[in-house]
Amino acid sequence: MEARALRRVFDGAVPPFASVKRFFGHTLAASGAIQAVAAVQALREQAAPANLGFENSDPEIGLRPAREFNRARSNRC
């Protein structure tokens, strides 16, 4: 469902995406706060962290998360 949503929102041109769960583990109640901080920082830095441990993509999904750190190219002077 997430892959379908990404394709729908980005009209097939899905940008690099990532998950930070492998960085912090399953911290239960704190995981939402930790992931929110990581997401805000990624937005501020215009970057997507690498997905730790990702090896195989499900062919049915057709998307691969970022395997390396990605930073958006800036047109700023």
Protein backbone atom coordinates (compact mmCIF):
# COMPACT_ATOMS: atom_id res chain seq x y z
CA MET A 1 0.00 0.00 0.00
CA GLU A 2 2.83 2.39 0.80
CA ALA A 3 4.44 1.75 -2.61
CA ARG A 4 1.12 2.41 -4.34
CA ALA A 5 0.71 5.65 -2.40
CA LEU A 6 4.24 6.79 -3.32
CA ARG A 7 3.63 6.11 -7.01
CA ARG A 8 0.26 7.87 -6.88
CA VAL A 9 1.50 10.95 -5.01
CA PHE A 10 4.60 11.36 -7.17
CA ASP A 11 2.92 10.35 -10.44
CA GLY A 12 5.38 7.52 -11.03
CA ALA A 13 8.53 9.66 -10.47
CA VAL A 14 9.20 8.50 -6.91
CA PRO A 15 12.08 10.40 -5.24
CA PRO A 16 14.58 8.63 -2.97
CA PHE A 17 12.88 7.44 0.21
CA ALA A 18 14.12 5.82 3.39
CA SER A 19 13.30 4.38 6.77
CA VAL A 20 15.31 4.97 9.95
CA LYS A 21 13.95 2.07 12.03
CA ARG A 22 17.16 0.03 11.64
CA PHE A 23 19.18 2.93 13.08
CA PHE A 24 17.24 3.02 16.36
CA GLY A 25 15.64 -0.40 16.69
CA HIS A 26 12.22 -0.96 18.15
CA THR A 27 12.06 1.63 20.89
CA LEU A 28 8.33 1.11 21.42
CA ALA A 29 6.76 4.28 22.81
CA ALA A 30 9.70 6.51 21.82
CA SER A 31 9.88 5.31 18.21
CA GLY A 32 7.35 7.82 16.91
CA ALA A 33 9.21 10.74 18.46
CA ILE A 34 12.61 9.49 17.25
CA GLN A 35 11.32 8.94 13.72
CA ALA A 36 9.66 12.37 13.71
CA VAL A 37 12.96 14.03 14.68
CA ALA A 38 14.82 12.05 12.01
CA ALA A 39 12.21 13.00 9.38
CA VAL A 40 12.35 16.70 10.27
CA GLN A 41 16.15 16.65 10.15
CA ALA A 42 16.10 14.90 6.76
CA LEU A 43 13.71 17.56 5.44
CA ARG A 44 15.89 20.35 6.82
CA GLU A 45 18.98 18.83 5.22
CA GLN A 46 17.05 17.88 2.05
CA ALA A 47 18.43 14.38 2.40
CA ALA A 48 17.36 10.75 2.61
CA PRO A 49 19.37 8.42 4.85
CA ALA A 50 20.48 5.03 3.58
CA ASN A 51 18.37 2.02 4.55
CA LEU A 52 20.54 -0.21 6.72
CA GLY A 53 20.39 -3.89 5.87
CA PHE A 54 18.24 -3.54 2.74
CA GLU A 55 19.20 -6.20 0.22
CA ASN A 56 16.31 -7.51 -1.86
CA SER A 57 13.43 -5.64 -3.41
CA ASP A 58 10.04 -7.30 -3.79
CA PRO A 59 9.43 -7.38 -7.57
CA GLU A 60 5.69 -7.00 -7.00
CA ILE A 61 6.23 -3.65 -5.28
CA GLY A 62 8.62 -2.32 -7.92
CA LEU A 63 10.33 0.27 -5.68
CA ARG A 64 13.69 0.28 -3.91
CA PRO A 65 14.45 2.50 -0.91
CA ALA A 66 17.64 4.54 -0.82
CA ARG A 67 20.66 2.27 -0.31
CA GLU A 68 23.09 5.18 0.05
CA PHE A 69 22.81 8.60 1.66
CA ASN A 70 21.09 10.95 -0.82
CA ARG A 71 21.17 14.72 -0.68
CA ALA A 72 18.98 16.84 -2.95
CA ARG A 73 20.79 18.93 -5.48
CA SER A 74 20.45 22.59 -4.66
CA ASN A 75 20.05 25.42 -7.14
CA ARG A 76 20.87 27.94 -4.48
CA CYS A 77 23.74 30.40 -4.99
